[in-house]
Protein backbone atom coordinates (compact mmCIF):
# COMPACT_ATOMS: atom_id res chain seq x y z
CA MET A 1 35.45 103.06 62.56
CA GLU A 2 35.02 99.43 60.39
CA ALA A 3 32.76 97.92 58.66
CA GLU A 4 30.74 95.06 60.64
CA TYR A 5 32.02 92.23 58.37
CA VAL A 6 33.32 89.04 60.10
CA THR A 7 36.85 87.28 58.52
CA THR A 8 38.65 84.14 59.57
CA PRO A 9 42.08 83.63 60.13
CA PHE A 10 44.57 83.54 56.63
CA GLY A 11 46.17 80.05 56.36
CA ARG A 12 45.26 76.41 58.46
CA ARG A 13 45.06 78.63 61.69
CA PRO A 14 41.17 78.08 63.09
CA MET A 15 38.40 79.98 63.52
CA THR A 16 36.92 80.01 66.86
CA LEU A 17 33.77 81.42 69.04
CA ALA A 18 36.27 84.03 70.91
CA MET A 19 37.67 85.48 67.88
CA LEU A 20 34.40 86.42 66.82
CA THR A 21 33.08 87.89 69.74
CA ALA A 22 36.16 89.72 69.78
CA GLN A 23 34.91 90.55 66.32
CA ARG A 24 31.71 91.74 67.24
CA ARG A 25 32.42 93.37 70.76
CA ALA A 26 34.44 96.20 68.49
CA GLU A 27 32.05 96.60 65.92
CA HIS A 28 29.00 96.64 68.64
CA GLY A 29 30.63 98.64 71.51
CA LYS A 30 29.05 101.80 72.71
CA PRO A 31 30.49 104.47 70.87
CA VAL A 32 33.10 106.15 72.25
CA ARG A 33 34.41 109.47 70.67
CA SER A 34 38.20 109.39 71.33
CA VAL A 35 40.49 108.26 74.23
CA ASP A 36 44.03 108.76 74.11
CA LYS A 37 45.73 105.31 73.54
CA TRP A 38 48.79 106.00 75.91
CA LYS A 39 45.97 106.19 78.47
CA ILE A 40 44.37 103.17 77.20
CA TYR A 41 48.09 101.49 77.75
CA ARG A 42 48.49 102.56 80.96
CA ALA A 43 45.64 101.19 82.24
CA LEU A 44 46.78 97.94 80.78
CA CYS A 45 49.70 97.35 82.49
CA GLU A 46 47.76 97.91 85.61
CA ALA A 47 45.29 95.31 84.25
CA LYS A 48 46.83 92.87 83.15
CA PRO A 49 46.63 90.12 85.99
CA LEU A 50 42.96 90.39 85.68
CA LEU A 51 43.27 90.16 81.74
CA GLY A 52 45.70 87.07 81.91
CA VAL A 53 48.28 89.43 79.82
CA THR A 54 52.18 89.64 80.40
CA ASP A 55 55.08 91.71 80.81
CA ARG A 56 55.84 90.86 77.17
CA ALA A 57 53.06 90.83 74.98
CA LEU A 58 51.97 93.80 76.72
CA ALA A 59 56.12 95.43 74.99
CA VAL A 60 54.56 93.75 71.61
CA LEU A 61 50.75 95.42 71.87
CA ASN A 62 53.12 98.88 72.81
CA ALA A 63 55.51 98.33 69.99
CA LEU A 64 51.77 97.98 67.50
CA LEU A 65 50.22 100.99 68.67
CA SER A 66 53.21 103.46 68.22
CA PHE A 67 52.50 101.80 64.47
CA TYR A 68 49.06 104.04 64.72
CA PRO A 69 49.67 107.55 63.89
CA LYS A 70 47.41 109.19 65.79
CA SER A 71 47.79 109.82 69.83
CA GLU A 72 43.78 109.41 69.96
CA LEU A 73 41.77 106.25 69.16
CA SER A 74 38.21 107.06 67.83
CA ASP A 75 35.35 104.99 66.33
CA GLU A 76 35.76 107.68 63.25
CA VAL A 77 39.15 106.56 62.21
CA ASN A 78 40.08 103.25 60.54
CA LEU A 79 41.86 101.51 63.40
CA ILE A 80 44.66 98.90 61.91
CA VAL A 81 47.66 98.63 62.14
CA PHE A 82 49.56 96.22 58.60
CA PRO A 83 53.52 96.29 60.56
CA SER A 84 55.69 93.94 59.11
CA ASN A 85 56.90 90.88 61.53
CA GLU A 86 61.08 92.44 61.02
CA GLN A 87 59.99 96.37 61.92
CA LEU A 88 57.43 95.14 64.67
CA SER A 89 61.04 93.43 65.68
CA LEU A 90 62.82 96.16 65.63
CA ARG A 91 60.42 98.31 67.71
CA ALA A 92 59.70 95.82 70.44
CA HIS A 93 63.45 96.06 71.45
CA GLY A 94 64.29 92.98 69.10
CA MET A 95 62.76 90.19 69.99
CA ALA A 96 62.80 87.29 68.12
CA GLU A 97 59.99 86.81 65.50
CA GLN A 98 58.61 83.76 66.88
CA THR A 99 57.58 84.90 70.44
CA ILE A 100 55.99 87.87 68.53
CA ARG A 101 53.86 85.18 66.66
CA ARG A 102 53.08 83.73 70.55
CA HIS A 103 51.91 87.12 72.19
CA LEU A 104 50.47 88.82 69.14
CA ALA A 105 48.16 85.49 69.60
CA ALA A 106 48.41 85.89 73.51
CA LEU A 107 46.55 89.25 72.87
CA ILE A 108 44.26 87.70 70.05
CA ALA A 109 43.56 85.17 72.50
CA ALA A 110 42.58 88.20 75.42
CA GLY A 111 40.16 90.47 73.58
CA LEU A 112 42.80 93.63 72.54
CA LEU A 113 43.18 93.12 69.62
CA VAL A 114 41.28 91.86 66.12
CA ARG A 115 43.10 89.70 63.58
CA ARG A 116 42.29 91.17 59.85
CA ASP A 117 44.06 88.94 57.21
CA SER A 118 44.22 89.81 54.17
CA PRO A 119 43.76 87.35 50.76
CA ASN A 120 47.22 85.81 50.80
CA GLY A 121 47.36 86.65 54.39
CA LYS A 122 49.97 89.53 53.90
CA ARG A 123 49.72 93.05 55.73
CA TYR A 124 49.32 95.72 54.01
CA ALA A 125 46.82 98.55 53.09
CA ARG A 126 45.88 100.42 49.79
CA ARG A 127 45.03 104.13 49.63
CA ASN A 128 42.89 106.22 46.73
CA ARG A 129 44.19 108.69 44.72
CA ALA A 130 44.15 111.08 47.51
CA GLY A 131 46.73 109.00 49.68
CA ASP A 132 43.79 108.60 52.31
CA LEU A 133 43.84 104.28 53.85
CA ASN A 134 40.83 102.71 51.81
CA GLU A 135 41.74 99.44 52.98
CA ALA A 136 44.12 97.66 55.22
CA TYR A 137 44.99 94.21 57.08
CA GLY A 138 46.45 93.44 59.57
CA PHE A 139 45.53 94.17 63.61
CA SER A 140 42.57 95.86 63.83
CA LEU A 141 43.45 98.38 67.73
CA ALA A 142 39.35 98.42 67.86
CA PRO A 143 38.57 96.16 70.77
CA LEU A 144 41.14 98.70 72.85
CA LEU A 145 38.58 101.76 72.11
CA ALA A 146 35.53 99.11 72.46
CA ARG A 147 36.23 97.90 75.64
CA TRP A 148 38.13 100.70 77.32
CA GLU A 149 35.40 101.30 79.95
CA GLU A 150 36.51 97.32 81.16
CA ILE A 151 40.11 98.14 81.36
CA GLU A 152 39.77 101.36 83.04
CA ARG A 153 37.49 99.48 85.71
CA LEU A 154 39.31 97.26 86.28
CA ALA A 155 43.00 98.27 86.56
CA ALA A 156 41.10 100.79 89.09
CA GLN A 157 39.42 97.41 90.70
CA VAL A 158 43.58 96.36 90.90
CA VAL A 159 44.77 99.70 92.03
CA ALA A 160 42.51 99.47 95.08
CA GLU A 161 43.53 95.89 95.93
CA ARG A 162 47.22 97.37 96.10
CA LEU A 163 46.68 100.52 98.61
CA HIS A 164 44.34 97.29 101.03
CA MET A 165 47.74 95.10 101.01
CA GLN A 166 49.85 98.45 101.81
CA ASP A 167 47.86 99.13 104.44
CA LEU A 168 47.22 95.54 105.49
CA ARG A 169 51.02 94.66 106.00
CA GLU A 170 51.87 99.10 107.53
CA ARG A 171 49.20 97.80 109.96
CA ILE A 172 50.67 94.41 110.50
CA SER A 173 54.06 95.69 110.99
CA LEU A 174 53.12 98.41 113.60
CA HIS A 175 51.04 95.25 115.35
CA ARG A 176 54.77 93.85 115.21
CA ARG A 177 57.03 96.72 116.57
CA ASP A 178 54.00 97.48 119.57
CA ILE A 179 53.57 93.39 120.65
CA ALA A 180 57.16 92.38 120.54
CA LYS A 181 58.40 95.83 122.17
CA LEU A 182 54.82 95.70 125.03
CA ILE A 183 56.17 91.40 125.47
CA ALA A 184 59.59 93.14 126.44
CA THR A 185 58.08 95.25 128.86
CA ALA A 186 56.08 92.54 130.54
CA VAL A 187 59.38 90.75 131.42
CA ALA A 188 61.28 93.63 132.32
CA GLU A 189 59.10 95.06 134.61
CA ALA A 190 58.02 91.05 136.11
CA VAL A 191 54.58 91.60 134.84
CA GLU A 192 52.69 87.54 136.00
CA GLY A 193 52.50 85.70 132.87
CA SER A 194 53.87 82.99 130.86
CA TRP A 195 55.49 85.82 128.26
CA ASP A 196 57.71 83.11 127.22
CA THR A 197 55.15 81.12 125.85
CA VAL A 198 53.57 84.38 124.62
CA HIS A 199 56.72 85.15 122.90
CA THR A 200 57.15 81.90 121.42
CA GLY A 201 53.24 81.52 120.32
CA PHE A 202 53.16 85.43 118.91
CA ARG A 203 56.45 84.30 116.70
CA ALA A 204 54.75 81.30 115.55
CA LEU A 205 51.73 83.63 114.08
CA ILE A 206 54.21 85.95 111.98
CA ASP A 207 56.26 83.10 110.33
CA GLY A 208 53.01 81.10 109.60
CA LEU A 209 52.40 83.29 107.28
CA PRO A 210 52.60 82.63 103.75
CA ARG A 211 55.34 84.09 101.79
CA SER A 212 53.36 85.37 99.17
CA PRO A 213 50.22 85.58 101.53
CA THR A 214 46.82 86.83 100.23
CA ALA A 215 44.74 89.58 101.72
CA ALA A 216 42.12 87.02 103.55
CA GLU A 217 45.13 86.12 104.97
CA LEU A 218 46.78 89.34 105.94
CA GLU A 219 42.96 90.10 107.34
CA ALA A 220 43.11 87.34 109.67
CA LEU A 221 46.95 87.86 110.76
CA LEU A 222 45.98 91.54 111.32
CA ASN A 223 43.11 90.29 113.61
CA LYS A 224 45.12 88.44 116.21
CA LEU A 225 47.39 90.80 116.02
CA GLY A 226 44.78 92.91 117.47
CA ARG A 227 42.83 91.02 120.10
CA LEU A 228 46.70 90.39 121.11
CA HIS A 229 47.75 93.98 121.73
CA GLY A 230 44.65 94.67 123.40
CA GLU A 231 45.24 91.49 125.75
CA ILE A 232 48.00 92.83 126.61
CA ILE A 233 47.42 96.31 127.27
CA LYS A 234 44.88 94.79 129.86
CA ARG A 235 47.50 92.74 131.82
CA LEU A 236 49.66 95.70 131.58
CA GLU A 237 47.44 98.13 132.79
CA THR A 238 46.21 95.87 135.52
CA HIS A 239 49.81 95.38 136.67
CA MET A 240 50.26 99.26 137.04
CA LYS A 241 46.88 99.67 138.87
CA ALA A 242 47.15 96.77 141.46
CA THR A 243 50.79 98.25 142.17
CA GLU A 244 49.28 101.63 143.05
CA ILE A 245 46.95 100.34 145.00
CA SER A 246 49.29 97.71 147.12
CA GLY A 247 51.22 100.41 147.11
CA ASN A 248 55.44 101.01 146.28
CA PRO A 249 57.48 98.69 147.47
CA TYR A 250 60.52 100.65 147.45
CA GLN A 251 59.65 103.16 148.86
CA ASN A 252 60.25 101.32 151.94
CA GLU A 253 63.32 99.83 152.54
CA ARG A 254 62.86 98.21 155.20
CA HIS A 255 59.93 96.48 153.53
CA ILE A 256 61.71 95.29 150.56
CA GLN A 257 64.23 92.90 152.64
CA ASN A 258 61.94 89.94 152.70
CA SER A 259 59.15 90.97 149.47
CA ASP A 260 58.79 91.21 146.33
CA SER A 261 55.92 93.11 144.64
CA GLU A 262 55.98 92.93 141.04
CA SER A 263 57.78 89.49 140.91
CA GLN A 264 56.01 86.45 139.16
CA ILE A 265 56.99 83.80 141.61
CA GLU A 266 55.75 80.03 141.84
CA SER A 267 56.17 77.80 145.45
CA GLU A 268 58.70 75.67 145.06
CA ALA A 269 56.74 72.31 144.33
CA LYS A 270 54.79 74.78 142.08
CA ALA A 271 58.21 75.28 139.88
CA LYS A 272 58.93 71.31 139.71
CA SER A 273 55.44 70.80 137.45
CA PRO A 274 55.04 74.67 136.54
CA VAL A 275 51.65 76.14 134.93
CA PRO A 276 50.82 79.09 133.46
CA ILE A 277 49.63 81.57 134.66
CA PHE A 278 47.13 82.80 131.91
CA VAL A 279 44.11 80.51 132.63
CA ASN A 280 43.18 80.16 128.37
CA MET A 281 46.62 78.81 127.47
CA ASP A 282 46.71 75.26 127.20
CA VAL A 283 50.98 74.98 126.16
CA PRO A 284 53.40 73.32 127.86
CA SER A 285 55.83 75.71 129.63
CA ALA A 286 59.52 73.41 128.04
CA ALA A 287 59.97 74.61 124.14
CA PRO A 288 56.11 74.41 123.22
CA ASN A 289 56.01 73.79 119.39
CA ARG A 290 54.81 76.50 116.18
CA VAL A 291 51.61 75.21 115.76
CA GLU A 292 50.43 74.79 119.74
CA ALA A 293 52.20 78.42 120.61
CA ALA A 294 50.12 80.19 117.67
CA LYS A 295 47.62 78.35 119.44
CA ALA A 296 48.52 79.93 122.79
CA ALA A 297 49.45 83.30 121.71
CA GLU A 298 45.48 83.23 120.01
CA ASP A 299 44.09 82.23 123.37
CA PHE A 300 46.04 84.96 125.61
CA GLY A 301 44.22 87.83 122.11
CA SER A 302 40.58 86.17 123.38
CA THR A 303 38.96 87.05 126.97
CA SER A 304 39.83 85.52 129.69
CA PRO A 305 39.88 86.65 133.54
CA VAL A 306 42.79 88.84 134.16
CA PRO A 307 45.01 86.68 137.52
CA GLN A 308 44.71 89.35 140.51
CA HIS A 309 48.18 90.36 141.71
CA ARG A 310 49.28 89.62 145.14
CA HIS A 311 49.63 91.39 148.15
CA PRO A 312 53.53 91.80 149.04
CA ASP A 313 52.88 89.47 152.00
CA ALA A 314 51.27 87.07 150.50
CA ILE A 315 54.78 87.04 148.75
CA ALA A 316 57.36 87.56 151.84
CA GLY A 317 58.49 83.97 152.31
CA MET A 318 58.38 82.00 149.17
CA HIS A 319 61.66 82.14 148.11
CA THR A 320 62.66 79.09 150.17
CA GLY A 321 67.01 78.71 151.17
CA VAL A 322 67.42 82.57 149.65
CA LYS A 323 68.89 84.82 151.41
CA SER A 324 68.62 88.79 151.40
CA PHE A 325 71.88 90.73 151.62
CA PRO A 326 72.78 94.90 152.44
CA LEU A 327 72.99 97.14 150.16
CA ASP A 328 75.49 98.38 151.64
CA LEU A 329 77.30 94.63 151.72
CA VAL A 330 76.33 94.58 148.05
CA LEU A 331 77.75 98.17 146.60
CA ARG A 332 81.40 97.05 148.50
CA ALA A 333 81.39 93.34 147.26
CA CYS A 334 80.43 95.02 143.12
CA PRO A 335 81.33 98.44 143.24
CA ASP A 336 81.03 98.43 139.32
CA ILE A 337 77.27 98.02 139.49
CA SER A 338 77.11 101.53 140.37
CA ALA A 339 77.88 103.06 137.05
CA TYR A 340 74.97 101.46 135.83
CA GLY A 341 72.26 103.09 138.13
CA PRO A 342 69.87 106.05 137.28
CA THR A 343 71.60 109.41 138.54
CA GLY A 344 75.19 107.46 138.13
CA ALA A 345 75.47 105.74 141.46
CA ILE A 346 72.82 103.44 143.46
CA GLN A 347 70.69 104.71 146.77
CA SER A 348 68.04 102.44 147.50
CA TRP A 349 67.38 99.11 146.11
CA ARG A 350 65.47 100.35 143.46
CA ASP A 351 67.92 102.40 141.71
CA LEU A 352 69.70 98.64 141.62
CA LEU A 353 67.42 96.70 140.26
CA SER A 354 66.91 99.73 137.72
CA ALA A 355 71.01 98.68 136.67
CA SER A 356 70.43 95.51 136.66
CA LEU A 357 68.44 95.28 134.25
CA VAL A 358 70.84 98.20 132.27
CA VAL A 359 73.35 95.94 132.66
CA ARG A 360 71.51 92.17 131.67
CA SER A 361 70.74 93.81 128.27
CA MET A 362 74.79 95.23 128.39
CA LEU A 363 75.67 91.44 129.16
CA ASP A 364 73.46 90.17 126.43
CA ILE A 365 71.03 88.35 129.15
CA SER A 366 67.93 86.81 127.79
CA PRO A 367 64.44 87.03 129.08
CA GLY A 368 63.77 83.75 129.87
CA ALA A 369 66.56 83.26 131.80
CA TYR A 370 66.93 86.71 133.98
CA GLN A 371 62.43 85.59 134.08
CA GLU A 372 64.09 82.06 135.00
CA ALA A 373 66.43 83.74 138.00
CA HIS A 374 64.07 86.11 138.75
CA ALA A 375 61.20 83.45 140.00
CA VAL A 376 63.34 81.44 141.94
CA MET A 377 65.66 83.95 143.68
CA GLY A 378 63.56 87.08 144.70
CA ALA A 379 64.60 90.69 142.47
CA GLU A 380 66.96 91.32 145.27
CA ASN A 381 68.67 88.79 144.95
CA THR A 382 68.06 88.70 141.34
CA ALA A 383 69.71 92.30 141.00
CA THR A 384 72.70 91.12 143.61
CA VAL A 385 74.01 87.98 141.18
CA ILE A 386 73.80 90.13 138.40
CA ALA A 387 76.23 93.35 140.05
CA CYS A 388 78.11 89.85 140.68
CA ILE A 389 78.14 88.67 137.76
CA LEU A 390 79.22 92.14 136.31
CA GLN A 391 82.40 92.21 138.14
CA ARG A 392 83.53 89.02 137.41
CA ALA A 393 82.61 89.24 133.10
CA PRO A 394 85.93 89.26 132.21
CA HIS A 395 85.84 85.44 134.02
CA ILE A 396 82.18 84.38 132.80
CA ASN A 397 81.65 83.24 128.23
CA SER A 398 78.02 83.37 128.98
CA ALA A 399 76.59 86.16 130.97
CA GLY A 400 73.15 84.13 130.27
CA GLY A 401 73.72 80.56 130.54
CA TYR A 402 75.80 81.12 134.05
CA LEU A 403 72.59 82.99 135.61
CA ARG A 404 70.18 79.96 134.45
CA HIS A 405 72.56 78.07 136.07
CA LEU A 406 72.65 79.35 139.14
CA ALA A 407 69.21 79.43 139.21
CA ARG A 408 68.59 75.82 139.03
CA ARG A 409 71.19 75.02 141.47
CA THR A 410 69.52 77.65 143.71
CA GLN A 411 66.00 75.92 143.00
CA LYS A 412 67.69 72.98 144.26
CA GLY A 413 69.32 74.19 147.58
CA GLU A 414 72.89 74.19 145.96
CA PHE A 415 73.38 77.40 146.06
CA ALA A 416 73.89 80.59 148.69
CA ILE A 417 74.45 83.95 147.81
CA GLY A 418 76.86 84.54 150.44
CA PRO A 419 80.10 83.28 149.59
CA MET A 420 79.56 84.76 146.06
CA LEU A 421 79.53 88.11 147.78
CA MET A 422 81.78 87.37 150.51
CA SER A 423 84.87 86.39 147.44
CA LEU A 424 84.14 89.52 146.03
CA LEU A 425 84.74 91.51 149.05
CA ARG A 426 88.14 89.72 149.75
CA ALA A 427 89.21 90.89 146.39
CA HIS A 428 87.99 93.65 146.42
CA THR A 429 89.50 94.24 150.40
CA ALA A 430 93.33 92.27 149.57
CA PRO A 431 94.44 95.02 148.38
CA THR A 432 94.07 97.74 150.17
CA ALA A 433 95.08 95.60 153.18
CA GLY A 434 98.11 94.83 151.89
CA LYS A 435 98.88 98.65 151.00
CA ALA A 436 98.42 99.53 154.81
CA ALA A 437 100.65 97.02 156.27
């Protein structure tokens, strides 16, 4: 390695303590036999965020390394390269000389190069009679060799952080998918809870993430989503256990006519001033803002008492002013719904409810509109109304808006399902009567 002689810059360039430190570090560094110069360069490319150098500066360094004749940097040979700015520009893919000077200064400031200026400021070398370098002036690559272990450690740190960020993003993506589908399942199965508020809060958590988040922000979001995911799973499991204990109402046609064990129904008095079922959610039911919704989702994920499942006998009679009709009458008035049954036919109210969920998605009825109708009319009547909407689908512009409108009219006592069914039934029986005549 070069003799331990400290040089100063040529011309008006001042000497700095950073230059002195870089030179002494290169001269008194831990002895290293040899390291592949391109291995050092690849590690520098990984560690550049921590070293404070840009990709353009590394392109200039790549050009400088190409002027070193050997593939390995060794402490036993002269590590000075002395290309002219013109030749350096050609190796740097035509980069302007002014730009090259700026990036060379950045590499020197980062302690990756040491400038060895000649008496006249030119870069050149003197050789002995055998052709070996006797004295060279230009840029010394010795700091790269001296700092190799540090550069390798910084590169490993950057790679580890990148892999950690990638793992956090993957886990957050899995939580996003799982929570969205679990909420949709809870709405489809009519599990008790203000699921619209939960979904709004969930979206607020996701949308509140910065465009370029840090690892700490991703970890905080993952923690919140994990709590929310676990709480939703507990609510669904509690609902399943309560349903098994109370019995399946769809096995009894006589029982299903006047009750709905799976509906999330409030009394008509409570409908005027809705209160979320989940006690930890202090979020208004009507259009919560993003901050409140995010807080609601976090509270939902925290420990909170699980509401007891209502017994079917307690729910019976809660839907005021809404009368259920025989299944046979509904199928004769709305025959199109039969094609969406589990087996291509509808044999029971359970089949009709399953078919209505399929039709709801097909008609693009939002979960909020379906849940509002479900709370006001009950499961059977909501399925009946969806069957009627399907029958008249060519004449309805927005099925979701129409269902929401009918639910609000029902809540005010201004709508009954009977006339709608009778009208559809007459529409189907009239052509038959005409042919008979």
